[in-house]
Amino acid sequence: MMYRTVAQLAAVLNQVTAGAPELCTLLPLPERSVQGSAVSALRIAAAGPVPVDERPGVLLIAGTHARELMNPDLLVELAVDLVAAQRTGTDIVLGGRTWPAAAVRAMLAAATVYLLPCVNPDGRTYVLTVDDMWRKNRRDNPGTTCDGVDLNRNADILWGVTEGQTSCSPCTDIYCGSGAFSEPENRNVKHLLDTYRIDAFADVHSFSELVIYPWGHAPSQTTDPTQNFRTLTTTTCRPLNRPGYAEYIAPADLARFQAVAGRIVAEIAAVRGRQYSPEPGMTLYPTTGTHSDYAWSRHLADPNLRRTEGYTIETGPSGDDARESFHPRDPEPIKREVESGLLALIQATAATATPA
């Protein structure tokens, strides 16, 4: 099998940490998965003038949806490449795009990178051993014969509002769960956002060749700040039912999202010419409770929390065969191009660092 098991993903994290302890720190997360799997993240940061915890941070996660197999592999391979560039001066060569080691070292001296390669280990194991199209975690939903919660509908941003591709039915692939952050796998993501300085966040999914930014539940607008999710009247397990509603995003924030998404798209294209589309989440389909919208919404709901730009990257093309789109026979070109896009996000975040 070309895709790593959960144990093999963990082994890579352990190996890079043991081989570069001055650069890498393994971060065991507080909650085990529904079926008891331990989950860890990896922090990568080089020595620099600003302490690691005070620099701009980038949190990259993958494996939220179990069947999207290539993305956890992509994140551990990114970790290996970052460490090699820092320790041995090895350029990161990704098809037609070469990231010079000096540029990577500059990023790692200015920013801190956090990787959570496999949010949903139980689901991944189930895909690799039982059902290769399984999407959710492995929650036993009481009173039903249906298992699993869609972890990308379970975050606390309009949770349970059944707009578009969000459902309160446990038997659907898009079940939002019994409550916001009901799932331990998602509480681990929240823990990272709560505990560390995270200025940019990306949840890596498959498929459709997209770089997505807020908002997912409604079209965006930049003129009426009173139209916002904090004052929006909603009912759990009902859609918004607000014809014409559009969610406010400040013009400067929208410009930043568009600029960074544009850089990500350009660096993906530099690898082999694939043209990803930068767009608000609503353009794909309406959703609530997603990780990337939650990451961005936090500082709007509570100004005491850090401003965290939230992105979702949908890796690879949409093909006629869903299995081939979710876990292609040759994922290598897709992984390389998206790694280039993630390096662009790290670089864009590092550039916001204030010199010491």
Protein backbone atom coordinates (compact mmCIF):
# COMPACT_ATOMS: atom_id res chain seq x y z
CA MET A 1 0.00 0.00 0.00
CA MET A 2 1.47 3.36 -0.99
CA TYR A 3 -0.14 5.20 1.93
CA ARG A 4 1.27 5.15 5.45
CA THR A 5 -0.54 3.54 8.34
CA VAL A 6 -1.20 5.56 11.49
CA ALA A 7 1.78 3.83 13.12
CA GLN A 8 4.01 4.69 10.17
CA LEU A 9 2.99 8.34 10.29
CA ALA A 10 3.82 8.41 14.00
CA ALA A 11 7.15 6.74 13.31
CA VAL A 12 8.15 9.53 10.93
CA LEU A 13 7.35 12.15 13.56
CA ASN A 14 9.36 10.22 16.15
CA GLN A 15 12.30 9.84 13.77
CA VAL A 16 12.54 13.51 12.82
CA THR A 17 12.22 14.51 16.47
CA ALA A 18 14.95 12.09 17.56
CA GLY A 19 17.19 13.14 14.66
CA ALA A 20 16.78 16.88 15.13
CA PRO A 21 15.88 17.56 18.77
CA GLU A 22 17.14 21.14 18.53
CA LEU A 23 14.58 21.77 15.79
CA CYS A 24 11.63 19.46 16.49
CA THR A 25 9.41 18.95 19.51
CA LEU A 26 6.79 16.23 19.70
CA LEU A 27 3.60 17.55 21.29
CA PRO A 28 1.39 14.75 22.70
CA LEU A 29 -2.16 16.04 22.60
CA PRO A 30 -4.44 15.81 25.62
CA GLU A 31 -7.18 13.60 24.18
CA ARG A 32 -7.10 10.14 22.69
CA SER A 33 -9.32 9.40 19.73
CA VAL A 34 -12.77 7.87 20.19
CA GLN A 35 -11.23 4.39 19.95
CA GLY A 36 -8.27 5.21 22.19
CA SER A 37 -5.49 6.14 19.75
CA ALA A 38 -2.88 8.56 21.07
CA VAL A 39 -2.47 11.68 18.92
CA SER A 40 0.58 13.93 18.66
CA ALA A 41 1.53 17.08 16.81
CA LEU A 42 5.01 18.22 15.81
CA ARG A 43 6.51 21.66 16.35
CA ILE A 44 9.35 22.76 14.08
CA ALA A 45 11.31 25.96 14.74
CA ALA A 46 14.95 26.97 14.35
CA ALA A 47 16.95 29.17 16.68
CA GLY A 48 16.24 32.82 16.11
CA PRO A 49 16.13 36.21 17.81
CA VAL A 50 12.52 35.75 18.98
CA PRO A 51 11.49 32.90 21.31
CA VAL A 52 9.70 30.04 19.57
CA ASP A 53 6.38 30.61 21.36
CA GLU A 54 6.36 34.34 20.55
CA ARG A 55 6.82 34.08 16.78
CA PRO A 56 4.04 33.90 14.20
CA GLY A 57 2.83 30.32 14.11
CA VAL A 58 1.39 28.20 11.31
CA LEU A 59 -0.78 25.18 12.15
CA LEU A 60 -1.25 22.64 9.37
CA ILE A 61 -3.63 19.71 9.87
CA ALA A 62 -4.75 16.83 7.66
CA GLY A 63 -6.59 13.54 7.80
CA THR A 64 -9.76 15.12 9.15
CA HIS A 65 -11.70 13.08 6.62
CA ALA A 66 -10.47 9.51 6.77
CA ARG A 67 -10.56 8.63 3.07
CA GLU A 68 -8.37 11.58 2.06
CA LEU A 69 -5.27 9.47 2.46
CA MET A 70 -2.53 11.46 0.76
CA ASN A 71 -2.66 14.54 2.94
CA PRO A 72 -1.28 13.08 6.20
CA ASP A 73 1.57 11.63 4.15
CA LEU A 74 2.11 15.07 2.64
CA LEU A 75 2.49 16.71 6.06
CA VAL A 76 5.02 14.22 7.40
CA GLU A 77 7.01 14.54 4.16
CA LEU A 78 6.93 18.32 4.57
CA ALA A 79 8.39 17.84 8.06
CA VAL A 80 11.23 15.72 6.66
CA ASP A 81 11.98 18.33 3.98
CA LEU A 82 11.96 21.23 6.44
CA VAL A 83 14.37 19.41 8.74
CA ALA A 84 16.70 18.48 5.87
CA ALA A 85 16.78 22.04 4.58
CA GLN A 86 17.60 23.38 8.04
CA ARG A 87 20.18 20.78 9.08
CA THR A 88 21.98 19.93 5.84
CA GLY A 89 21.25 22.85 3.56
CA THR A 90 19.22 20.68 1.18
CA ASP A 91 17.03 22.65 -1.20
CA ILE A 92 13.41 21.49 -1.40
CA VAL A 93 12.93 20.51 -5.05
CA LEU A 94 9.27 20.10 -6.01
CA GLY A 95 8.94 19.54 -9.73
CA GLY A 96 9.52 22.86 -11.43
CA ARG A 97 9.79 24.80 -8.17
CA THR A 98 12.90 24.80 -6.02
CA TRP A 99 12.70 26.29 -2.54
CA PRO A 100 16.30 27.20 -1.62
CA ALA A 101 17.47 25.97 1.75
CA ALA A 102 18.36 29.54 2.69
CA ALA A 103 14.74 30.61 2.20
CA VAL A 104 13.49 27.69 4.28
CA ARG A 105 15.96 28.48 7.04
CA ALA A 106 14.78 32.08 7.06
CA MET A 107 11.17 30.89 7.49
CA LEU A 108 12.07 28.57 10.37
CA ALA A 109 13.99 31.33 12.14
CA ALA A 110 11.05 33.75 11.87
CA ALA A 111 8.02 31.48 12.28
CA THR A 112 7.03 28.33 14.13
CA VAL A 113 5.41 25.46 12.25
CA TYR A 114 2.95 23.10 13.94
CA LEU A 115 1.89 19.92 12.13
CA LEU A 116 -0.99 17.62 13.07
CA PRO A 117 -0.72 15.12 10.21
CA CYS A 118 -3.59 12.82 11.15
CA VAL A 119 -6.51 14.35 13.04
CA ASN A 120 -8.61 11.19 12.67
CA PRO A 121 -6.46 8.09 13.25
CA ASP A 122 -9.34 5.67 13.82
CA GLY A 123 -10.96 6.67 10.57
CA ARG A 124 -7.70 6.28 8.67
CA THR A 125 -7.19 2.77 10.02
CA TYR A 126 -10.75 1.88 9.05
CA VAL A 127 -10.19 3.15 5.51
CA LEU A 128 -6.95 1.19 5.15
CA THR A 129 -8.47 -2.05 6.48
CA VAL A 130 -12.26 -2.11 6.01
CA ASP A 131 -13.95 0.61 3.92
CA ASP A 132 -11.82 2.80 1.66
CA MET A 133 -14.56 5.42 1.29
CA TRP A 134 -15.17 6.04 5.01
CA ARG A 135 -15.18 9.79 5.82
CA LYS A 136 -16.03 10.32 9.49
CA ASN A 137 -14.45 9.35 12.79
CA ARG A 138 -15.55 6.09 14.47
CA ARG A 139 -17.96 7.46 17.07
CA ASP A 140 -20.70 5.02 18.09
CA ASN A 141 -23.84 7.13 17.79
CA PRO A 142 -26.20 5.98 20.57
CA GLY A 143 -29.68 4.88 19.58
CA THR A 144 -28.73 4.38 15.94
CA THR A 145 -27.03 1.74 13.82
CA CYS A 146 -24.88 4.48 12.24
CA ASP A 147 -21.36 5.38 13.29
CA GLY A 148 -19.23 8.44 12.95
CA VAL A 149 -19.17 12.23 13.11
CA ASP A 150 -17.90 14.49 10.34
CA LEU A 151 -15.07 16.24 12.17
CA ASN A 152 -15.22 19.14 9.73
CA ARG A 153 -18.78 19.98 10.80
CA ASN A 154 -18.17 19.70 14.54
CA ALA A 155 -16.39 22.98 15.38
CA ASP A 156 -18.00 25.85 17.24
CA ILE A 157 -18.92 28.17 14.37
CA LEU A 158 -22.67 28.08 13.74
CA TRP A 159 -22.52 24.46 14.91
CA GLY A 160 -25.57 22.39 14.02
CA VAL A 161 -27.02 24.93 11.59
CA THR A 162 -27.86 22.63 8.71
CA GLU A 163 -26.86 24.93 5.92
CA GLY A 164 -25.89 23.16 2.71
CA GLN A 165 -23.59 20.22 3.36
CA THR A 166 -24.21 19.95 7.11
CA SER A 167 -26.64 17.51 8.72
CA CYS A 168 -28.00 16.53 12.11
CA SER A 169 -28.67 12.97 10.92
CA PRO A 170 -26.14 10.46 12.31
CA CYS A 171 -26.49 8.27 9.23
CA THR A 172 -25.17 10.91 6.83
CA ASP A 173 -21.54 11.52 5.90
CA ILE A 174 -21.93 15.14 7.02
CA TYR A 175 -23.28 14.55 10.54
CA CYS A 176 -22.28 17.42 12.83
CA GLY A 177 -22.25 15.38 16.05
CA SER A 178 -24.08 15.75 19.34
CA GLY A 179 -22.62 19.16 20.16
CA ALA A 180 -19.88 21.59 19.23
CA PHE A 181 -16.51 19.93 19.85
CA SER A 182 -18.22 16.75 21.00
CA GLU A 183 -15.36 14.76 19.44
CA PRO A 184 -11.99 14.35 21.15
CA GLU A 185 -10.16 14.51 17.82
CA ASN A 186 -11.54 18.02 17.32
CA ARG A 187 -10.83 19.09 20.87
CA ASN A 188 -7.18 18.35 20.08
CA VAL A 189 -7.32 20.86 17.23
CA LYS A 190 -8.92 23.41 19.56
CA HIS A 191 -6.22 22.70 22.15
CA LEU A 192 -3.50 23.65 19.68
CA LEU A 193 -5.30 26.88 18.80
CA ASP A 194 -5.84 27.66 22.50
CA THR A 195 -2.33 26.79 23.67
CA TYR A 196 0.07 28.09 21.02
CA ARG A 197 0.45 31.25 19.03
CA ILE A 198 -1.22 30.35 15.72
CA ASP A 199 -1.44 33.16 13.15
CA ALA A 200 -2.33 30.99 10.14
CA PHE A 201 -4.16 27.69 9.93
CA ALA A 202 -4.72 25.32 7.02
CA ASP A 203 -6.81 22.15 6.97
CA VAL A 204 -5.65 20.00 4.03
CA HIS A 205 -8.44 18.03 2.32
CA SER A 206 -9.19 16.35 -1.01
CA PHE A 207 -10.32 17.09 -3.70
CA SER A 208 -11.12 19.80 -6.32
CA GLU A 209 -7.89 21.88 -6.59
CA LEU A 210 -9.06 24.75 -4.40
CA VAL A 211 -7.60 27.17 -1.86
CA ILE A 212 -10.53 28.18 0.32
CA TYR A 213 -10.92 31.03 2.81
CA PRO A 214 -13.93 32.37 4.83
CA TRP A 215 -16.83 32.24 4.73
CA GLY A 216 -18.45 28.85 4.29
CA HIS A 217 -22.00 29.40 5.55
CA ALA A 218 -23.00 32.43 3.46
CA PRO A 219 -21.67 34.74 0.77
CA SER A 220 -19.25 37.38 2.01
CA GLN A 221 -19.75 41.16 1.97
CA THR A 222 -17.54 44.05 3.09
CA THR A 223 -20.00 46.89 3.71
CA ASP A 224 -22.35 46.00 6.58
CA PRO A 225 -20.58 44.94 9.80
CA THR A 226 -23.91 44.40 11.55
CA GLN A 227 -24.52 41.29 9.45
CA ASN A 228 -22.29 38.82 11.26
CA PHE A 229 -22.48 35.36 12.79
CA ARG A 230 -22.37 36.72 16.36
CA THR A 231 -25.77 38.39 15.97
CA LEU A 232 -27.27 35.95 13.49
CA THR A 233 -30.36 34.23 14.86
CA THR A 234 -30.05 30.50 14.22
CA THR A 235 -31.82 27.29 15.15
CA THR A 236 -29.99 24.02 15.68
CA CYS A 237 -30.77 21.43 13.02
CA ARG A 238 -32.37 24.06 10.79
CA PRO A 239 -30.84 26.02 7.88
CA LEU A 240 -30.23 29.76 8.19
CA ASN A 241 -33.50 30.62 6.45
CA ARG A 242 -32.27 34.14 5.80
CA PRO A 243 -32.66 34.84 2.07
CA GLY A 244 -30.09 37.36 0.92
CA TYR A 245 -27.98 37.11 4.07
CA ALA A 246 -24.27 37.77 3.55
CA GLU A 247 -21.55 37.49 6.21
CA TYR A 248 -19.36 40.50 6.89
CA ILE A 249 -15.62 40.39 6.35
CA ALA A 250 -13.53 43.54 6.73
CA PRO A 251 -12.11 44.77 3.41
CA ALA A 252 -8.51 44.57 4.67
CA ASP A 253 -9.06 41.02 5.89
CA LEU A 254 -10.57 39.95 2.59
CA ALA A 255 -7.63 41.51 0.76
CA ARG A 256 -5.19 39.59 2.96
CA PHE A 257 -6.98 36.29 2.35
CA GLN A 258 -7.04 36.93 -1.38
CA ALA A 259 -3.37 37.88 -1.46
CA VAL A 260 -2.17 34.87 0.54
CA ALA A 261 -4.45 32.46 -1.31
CA GLY A 262 -3.09 33.90 -4.53
CA ARG A 263 0.48 33.22 -3.42
CA ILE A 264 -0.43 29.65 -2.47
CA VAL A 265 -2.06 29.12 -5.87
CA ALA A 266 0.95 30.57 -7.70
CA GLU A 267 3.42 28.34 -5.87
CA ILE A 268 1.28 25.27 -6.52
CA ALA A 269 1.20 26.14 -10.22
CA ALA A 270 4.99 26.55 -10.27
CA VAL A 271 5.45 22.83 -9.60
CA ARG A 272 3.72 21.42 -12.69
CA GLY A 273 1.25 23.97 -13.91
CA ARG A 274 -1.90 22.89 -12.11
CA GLN A 275 -4.23 25.84 -11.59
CA TYR A 276 -5.96 25.75 -8.23
CA SER A 277 -8.82 28.20 -7.65
CA PRO A 278 -8.73 30.63 -4.71
CA GLU A 279 -12.27 31.21 -3.45
CA PRO A 280 -14.52 31.62 -0.38
CA GLY A 281 -15.79 28.36 1.07
CA MET A 282 -19.38 29.18 0.14
CA THR A 283 -18.40 28.95 -3.54
CA LEU A 284 -17.84 25.19 -3.18
CA TYR A 285 -20.97 24.56 -1.11
CA PRO A 286 -22.43 25.95 2.14
CA THR A 287 -21.09 24.49 5.39
CA THR A 288 -21.07 25.19 9.11
CA GLY A 289 -18.78 23.98 11.88
CA THR A 290 -15.64 23.78 9.72
CA HIS A 291 -12.13 23.97 11.14
CA SER A 292 -10.93 26.82 8.95
CA ASP A 293 -13.93 29.07 9.56
CA TYR A 294 -13.69 28.30 13.27
CA ALA A 295 -10.01 29.26 13.35
CA TRP A 296 -10.82 32.62 11.76
CA SER A 297 -13.99 33.26 13.76
CA ARG A 298 -12.35 32.88 17.16
CA HIS A 299 -10.96 36.40 17.43
CA LEU A 300 -14.18 37.87 16.09
CA ALA A 301 -16.24 36.07 18.74
CA ASP A 302 -13.72 36.87 21.49
CA PRO A 303 -11.25 39.71 20.88
CA ASN A 304 -9.01 38.27 23.61
CA LEU A 305 -8.18 35.37 21.29
CA ARG A 306 -5.54 35.57 18.60
CA ARG A 307 -6.39 36.48 15.03
CA THR A 308 -5.81 33.29 13.02
CA GLU A 309 -6.24 33.24 9.26
CA GLY A 310 -8.10 30.08 8.30
CA TYR A 311 -7.64 28.23 5.00
CA THR A 312 -8.74 24.92 3.55
CA ILE A 313 -6.78 23.38 0.68
CA GLU A 314 -8.52 20.80 -1.48
CA THR A 315 -5.74 18.73 -3.03
CA GLY A 316 -5.91 17.12 -6.44
CA PRO A 317 -8.40 17.13 -9.29
CA SER A 318 -12.01 16.08 -9.28
CA GLY A 319 -12.22 13.00 -11.47
CA ASP A 320 -14.91 10.62 -12.63
CA ASP A 321 -13.73 8.02 -10.10
CA ALA A 322 -14.20 9.24 -6.52
CA ARG A 323 -11.78 6.65 -5.16
CA GLU A 324 -9.06 7.86 -7.53
CA SER A 325 -9.77 11.44 -6.46
CA PHE A 326 -9.60 10.70 -2.73
CA HIS A 327 -6.61 8.34 -2.82
CA PRO A 328 -5.01 8.37 -6.25
CA ARG A 329 -2.77 5.60 -7.49
CA ASP A 330 0.03 8.13 -7.94
CA PRO A 331 -0.27 10.83 -5.29
CA GLU A 332 3.33 12.04 -5.61
CA PRO A 333 2.77 14.94 -8.06
CA ILE A 334 -0.18 16.21 -6.03
CA LYS A 335 1.75 16.03 -2.77
CA ARG A 336 4.67 17.93 -4.28
CA GLU A 337 2.56 20.78 -5.62
CA VAL A 338 0.62 21.22 -2.39
CA GLU A 339 3.81 21.12 -0.33
CA SER A 340 4.93 24.12 -2.38
CA GLY A 341 1.65 25.86 -1.55
CA LEU A 342 2.09 25.16 2.16
CA LEU A 343 5.62 26.55 2.03
CA ALA A 344 4.11 29.71 0.53
CA LEU A 345 1.72 29.95 3.50
CA ILE A 346 4.59 29.49 5.96
CA GLN A 347 6.64 32.13 4.14
CA ALA A 348 3.73 34.59 4.06
CA THR A 349 3.23 34.11 7.79
CA ALA A 350 6.95 34.41 8.58
CA ALA A 351 6.97 37.71 6.70
CA THR A 352 4.61 39.18 9.32
CA ALA A 353 7.20 38.67 12.09
CA THR A 354 8.31 41.84 13.86
CA PRO A 355 12.12 42.05 14.04
CA ALA A 356 13.45 41.67 17.57
